[in-house]
Structures are given as C-alpha cells and as structure tokens.
C-alpha atoms as a PDB file:
ATOM      1  CA  UNK A   1     155.467  94.389 129.379  1.00  0.00           C
ATOM      2  CA  UNK A   2     158.931  95.206 128.103  1.00  0.00           C
ATOM      3  CA  UNK A   3     159.417  98.935 127.434  1.00  0.00           C
ATOM      4  CA  UNK A   4     160.961  98.182 124.039  1.00  0.00           C
ATOM      5  CA  UNK A   5     157.828  96.302 122.979  1.00  0.00           C
ATOM      6  CA  UNK A   6     155.630  99.076 124.372  1.00  0.00           C
ATOM      7  CA  UNK A   7     157.586 101.637 122.329  1.00  0.00           C
ATOM      8  CA  UNK A   8     157.077  99.524 119.202  1.00  0.00           C
ATOM      9  CA  UNK A   9     153.332  99.349 119.834  1.00  0.00           C
ATOM     10  CA  UNK A  10     153.167 103.105 120.456  1.00  0.00           C
ATOM     11  CA  UNK A  11     155.139 103.862 117.299  1.00  0.00           C
ATOM     12  CA  UNK A  12     152.868 101.600 115.235  1.00  0.00           C
ATOM     13  CA  UNK A  13     149.748 103.255 116.674  1.00  0.00           C
ATOM     14  CA  UNK A  14     151.114 106.695 115.821  1.00  0.00           C
ATOM     15  CA  UNK A  15     151.907 105.530 112.290  1.00  0.00           C
ATOM     16  CA  UNK A  16     148.373 104.208 111.820  1.00  0.00           C
ATOM     17  CA  UNK A  17     146.881 107.445 113.168  1.00  0.00           C
ATOM     18  CA  UNK A  18     148.963 109.434 110.698  1.00  0.00           C
ATOM     19  CA  UNK A  19     147.764 107.271 107.822  1.00  0.00           C
ATOM     20  CA  UNK A  20     144.146 107.642 108.976  1.00  0.00           C
ATOM     21  CA  UNK A  21     144.479 111.426 109.188  1.00  0.00           C
ATOM     22  CA  UNK A  22     145.993 111.527 105.699  1.00  0.00           C
ATOM     23  CA  UNK A  23     143.141 109.385 104.342  1.00  0.00           C
ATOM     24  CA  UNK A  24     140.510 111.691 105.863  1.00  0.00           C
ATOM     25  CA  UNK A  25     142.306 114.762 104.554  1.00  0.00           C
ATOM     26  CA  UNK A  26     142.691 113.356 101.030  1.00  0.00           C
ATOM     27  CA  UNK A  27     139.233 111.705 100.747  1.00  0.00           C
ATOM     28  CA  UNK A  28     136.730 113.357 103.108  1.00  0.00           C
ATOM     29  CA  UNK A  29     133.574 112.020 101.419  1.00  0.00           C
ATOM     30  CA  UNK A  30     134.864 108.460 101.389  1.00  0.00           C
ATOM     31  CA  UNK A  31     135.836 108.799 105.048  1.00  0.00           C
ATOM     32  CA  UNK A  32     132.323 109.953 105.955  1.00  0.00           C
ATOM     33  CA  UNK A  33     130.722 107.145 103.937  1.00  0.00           C
ATOM     34  CA  UNK A  34     133.036 104.598 105.548  1.00  0.00           C
ATOM     35  CA  UNK A  35     132.207 105.891 109.031  1.00  0.00           C
ATOM     36  CA  UNK A  36     128.465 105.707 108.361  1.00  0.00           C
ATOM     37  CA  UNK A  37     128.791 102.193 106.937  1.00  0.00           C
ATOM     38  CA  UNK A  38     130.838 100.899 109.859  1.00  0.00           C
ATOM     39  CA  UNK A  39     128.434 102.528 112.324  1.00  0.00           C
ATOM     40  CA  UNK A  40     125.476 100.877 110.617  1.00  0.00           C
ATOM     41  CA  UNK A  41     127.087  97.426 110.714  1.00  0.00           C
ATOM     42  CA  UNK A  42     128.177  97.799 114.346  1.00  0.00           C
ATOM     43  CA  UNK A  43     124.718  99.053 115.314  1.00  0.00           C
ATOM     44  CA  UNK A  44     123.003  96.133 113.613  1.00  0.00           C
ATOM     45  CA  UNK A  45     125.405  93.697 115.236  1.00  0.00           C
ATOM     46  CA  UNK A  46     124.945  95.075 118.752  1.00  0.00           C
ATOM     47  CA  UNK A  47     121.161  95.428 118.601  1.00  0.00           C
ATOM     48  CA  UNK A  48     120.491  91.952 117.273  1.00  0.00           C
ATOM     49  CA  UNK A  49     117.088  90.763 116.131  1.00  0.00           C
ATOM     50  CA  UNK A  50     113.680  91.373 117.716  1.00  0.00           C
ATOM     51  CA  UNK A  51     112.477  87.756 117.541  1.00  0.00           C
END
C-alpha cells in the first residue's frame, strides 16, 4: 500500500478517535447506553437462535 494512502487512513482514524473521545466526554450517559445497546445487538446476532 502506498505510504501516502496509509497516512491518510491513519489521519482519518485519529480524527474519528478524537471525535469519539469528545462524544464520551460531553455525553457520558449516552455513550454508556449506546455501548450497552450495541453490545446487546452484537450478542444477539452472534448467538443466533436455539431452534
């Protein structure tokens, strides 16, 4: 992979991490609720049904 493209991907990932940190700092209860909700959906998806 071209180093220029890799630098773009790295910069974008750092930008997204900064936005996520800001969201958690500004809205901690919403962040916790979102994490629980996503965990529930992922858990249900991975476990499947018992039939």
